[in-house]
Amino acid sequence: MNYLKLIHNCNDLRDGQRCNWIKQEYNWILVNFENIAVQSLEDFIGYVLGKLKLQNDDKDLDNLTEPTIILMDNIKFGLELSESSEKNY
């Protein structure tokens, strides 16, 4: 996932490799659902907002000027956590 985040970086290009295919800046967030910090919906939202340097407030969302790409790893693990937490309620 880090490769995807850095693929548009123009340092260390191979012969014939382009780096101009992304025309604007993006926020990149890497989420691994095996990370304890994102194992509940509330924690996930807090994690994403923290990476964007935003508070959990609609007013802050107006300050988000760049698109955001969220890359998720181990989604199956996250879905299994979600299913097990629903059973506990």
C-alpha atoms as a PDB file:
ATOM      1  CA  MET A   1       0.000   0.000   0.000  1.00  0.00           C
ATOM      2  CA  ASN A   2       2.871   2.367   0.638  1.00  0.00           C
ATOM      3  CA  TYR A   3       3.934   1.814  -2.965  1.00  0.00           C
ATOM      4  CA  LEU A   4       0.570   3.110  -4.181  1.00  0.00           C
ATOM      5  CA  LYS A   5       0.844   6.123  -1.905  1.00  0.00           C
ATOM      6  CA  LEU A   6       4.277   7.015  -3.284  1.00  0.00           C
ATOM      7  CA  ILE A   7       3.891   5.950  -6.918  1.00  0.00           C
ATOM      8  CA  HIS A   8       3.370   9.516  -8.110  1.00  0.00           C
ATOM      9  CA  ASN A   9       6.551  10.728  -6.381  1.00  0.00           C
ATOM     10  CA  CYS A  10       8.950  11.857  -9.103  1.00  0.00           C
ATOM     11  CA  ASN A  11      12.104  10.850  -7.230  1.00  0.00           C
ATOM     12  CA  ASP A  12      13.911   7.677  -8.288  1.00  0.00           C
ATOM     13  CA  LEU A  13      12.045   7.051 -11.552  1.00  0.00           C
ATOM     14  CA  ARG A  14      12.978   4.120 -13.781  1.00  0.00           C
ATOM     15  CA  ASP A  15      13.562   4.686 -17.511  1.00  0.00           C
ATOM     16  CA  GLY A  16      10.253   5.465 -19.204  1.00  0.00           C
ATOM     17  CA  GLN A  17       8.337   5.706 -15.927  1.00  0.00           C
ATOM     18  CA  ARG A  18       5.931   8.628 -15.686  1.00  0.00           C
ATOM     19  CA  CYS A  19       4.983  10.506 -12.567  1.00  0.00           C
ATOM     20  CA  ASN A  20       2.606  13.115 -13.945  1.00  0.00           C
ATOM     21  CA  TRP A  21      -0.541  11.009 -14.054  1.00  0.00           C
ATOM     22  CA  ILE A  22      -1.920  12.494 -10.828  1.00  0.00           C
ATOM     23  CA  LYS A  23      -2.641  16.137 -11.561  1.00  0.00           C
ATOM     24  CA  GLN A  24      -3.445  17.352  -8.058  1.00  0.00           C
ATOM     25  CA  GLU A  25      -2.530  16.771  -4.444  1.00  0.00           C
ATOM     26  CA  TYR A  26      -4.384  14.092  -2.505  1.00  0.00           C
ATOM     27  CA  ASN A  27      -4.593  13.118   1.119  1.00  0.00           C
ATOM     28  CA  TRP A  28      -3.504   9.481   1.450  1.00  0.00           C
ATOM     29  CA  ILE A  29      -4.621   7.398   4.413  1.00  0.00           C
ATOM     30  CA  LEU A  30      -3.444   3.829   4.914  1.00  0.00           C
ATOM     31  CA  VAL A  31      -5.730   1.722   7.119  1.00  0.00           C
ATOM     32  CA  ASN A  32      -4.840  -1.784   8.284  1.00  0.00           C
ATOM     33  CA  PHE A  33      -7.785  -3.316  10.116  1.00  0.00           C
ATOM     34  CA  GLU A  34      -5.465  -5.537  12.149  1.00  0.00           C
ATOM     35  CA  ASN A  35      -4.306  -2.304  13.822  1.00  0.00           C
ATOM     36  CA  ILE A  36      -6.026  -2.026  17.212  1.00  0.00           C
ATOM     37  CA  ALA A  37      -6.514   1.706  16.600  1.00  0.00           C
ATOM     38  CA  VAL A  38      -9.190   1.073  13.938  1.00  0.00           C
ATOM     39  CA  GLN A  39     -11.043  -1.975  15.223  1.00  0.00           C
ATOM     40  CA  SER A  40     -14.325  -0.227  15.941  1.00  0.00           C
ATOM     41  CA  LEU A  41     -16.342   2.174  13.815  1.00  0.00           C
ATOM     42  CA  GLU A  42     -15.752   5.014  16.261  1.00  0.00           C
ATOM     43  CA  ASP A  43     -12.008   4.327  16.319  1.00  0.00           C
ATOM     44  CA  PHE A  44     -11.900   4.088  12.522  1.00  0.00           C
ATOM     45  CA  ILE A  45     -13.636   7.457  12.097  1.00  0.00           C
ATOM     46  CA  GLY A  46     -11.379   9.034  14.708  1.00  0.00           C
ATOM     47  CA  TYR A  47      -8.306   7.570  13.004  1.00  0.00           C
ATOM     48  CA  VAL A  48      -9.285   8.915   9.577  1.00  0.00           C
ATOM     49  CA  LEU A  49     -10.188  12.340  10.952  1.00  0.00           C
ATOM     50  CA  GLY A  50      -6.915  12.417  12.899  1.00  0.00           C
ATOM     51  CA  LYS A  51      -4.912  11.646   9.756  1.00  0.00           C
ATOM     52  CA  LEU A  52      -6.739  14.509   8.048  1.00  0.00           C
ATOM     53  CA  LYS A  53      -6.042  16.736  11.066  1.00  0.00           C
ATOM     54  CA  LEU A  54      -9.776  17.308  11.521  1.00  0.00           C
ATOM     55  CA  GLN A  55     -12.045  17.148  14.516  1.00  0.00           C
ATOM     56  CA  ASN A  56     -15.285  15.166  14.530  1.00  0.00           C
ATOM     57  CA  ASP A  57     -17.176  18.296  13.572  1.00  0.00           C
ATOM     58  CA  ASP A  58     -18.990  19.209  10.367  1.00  0.00           C
ATOM     59  CA  LYS A  59     -17.378  22.661  10.399  1.00  0.00           C
ATOM     60  CA  ASP A  60     -13.923  21.116  10.051  1.00  0.00           C
ATOM     61  CA  LEU A  61     -14.999  19.171   6.971  1.00  0.00           C
ATOM     62  CA  ASP A  62     -15.371  22.495   5.147  1.00  0.00           C
ATOM     63  CA  ASN A  63     -11.613  22.954   5.592  1.00  0.00           C
ATOM     64  CA  LEU A  64     -10.864  19.766   3.657  1.00  0.00           C
ATOM     65  CA  THR A  65      -9.706  21.154   0.324  1.00  0.00           C
ATOM     66  CA  GLU A  66      -7.972  18.127  -1.216  1.00  0.00           C
ATOM     67  CA  PRO A  67      -9.544  14.813  -2.207  1.00  0.00           C
ATOM     68  CA  THR A  68      -8.716  11.857   0.010  1.00  0.00           C
ATOM     69  CA  ILE A  69      -7.763   8.321  -0.972  1.00  0.00           C
ATOM     70  CA  ILE A  70      -8.195   5.720   1.763  1.00  0.00           C
ATOM     71  CA  LEU A  71      -6.299   2.484   1.135  1.00  0.00           C
ATOM     72  CA  MET A  72      -7.573  -0.374   3.286  1.00  0.00           C
ATOM     73  CA  ASP A  73      -5.722  -3.576   4.113  1.00  0.00           C
ATOM     74  CA  ASN A  74      -7.084  -6.688   5.842  1.00  0.00           C
ATOM     75  CA  ILE A  75     -10.677  -5.631   5.203  1.00  0.00           C
ATOM     76  CA  LYS A  76     -11.898  -9.171   5.883  1.00  0.00           C
ATOM     77  CA  PHE A  77     -10.500  -8.891   9.406  1.00  0.00           C
ATOM     78  CA  GLY A  78     -12.363  -5.600   9.901  1.00  0.00           C
ATOM     79  CA  LEU A  79     -15.626  -7.076   8.628  1.00  0.00           C
ATOM     80  CA  GLU A  80     -15.291 -10.051  10.959  1.00  0.00           C
ATOM     81  CA  LEU A  81     -14.776  -7.661  13.881  1.00  0.00           C
ATOM     82  CA  SER A  82     -17.861  -5.731  12.844  1.00  0.00           C
ATOM     83  CA  GLU A  83     -19.962  -8.903  12.674  1.00  0.00           C
ATOM     84  CA  SER A  84     -18.782 -10.120  16.085  1.00  0.00           C
ATOM     85  CA  SER A  85     -19.442  -6.752  17.746  1.00  0.00           C
ATOM     86  CA  GLU A  86     -22.999  -6.723  16.340  1.00  0.00           C
ATOM     87  CA  LYS A  87     -23.633 -10.133  17.918  1.00  0.00           C
ATOM     88  CA  ASN A  88     -22.615  -8.766  21.311  1.00  0.00           C
ATOM     89  CA  TYR A  89     -25.380  -6.143  21.326  1.00  0.00           C
END
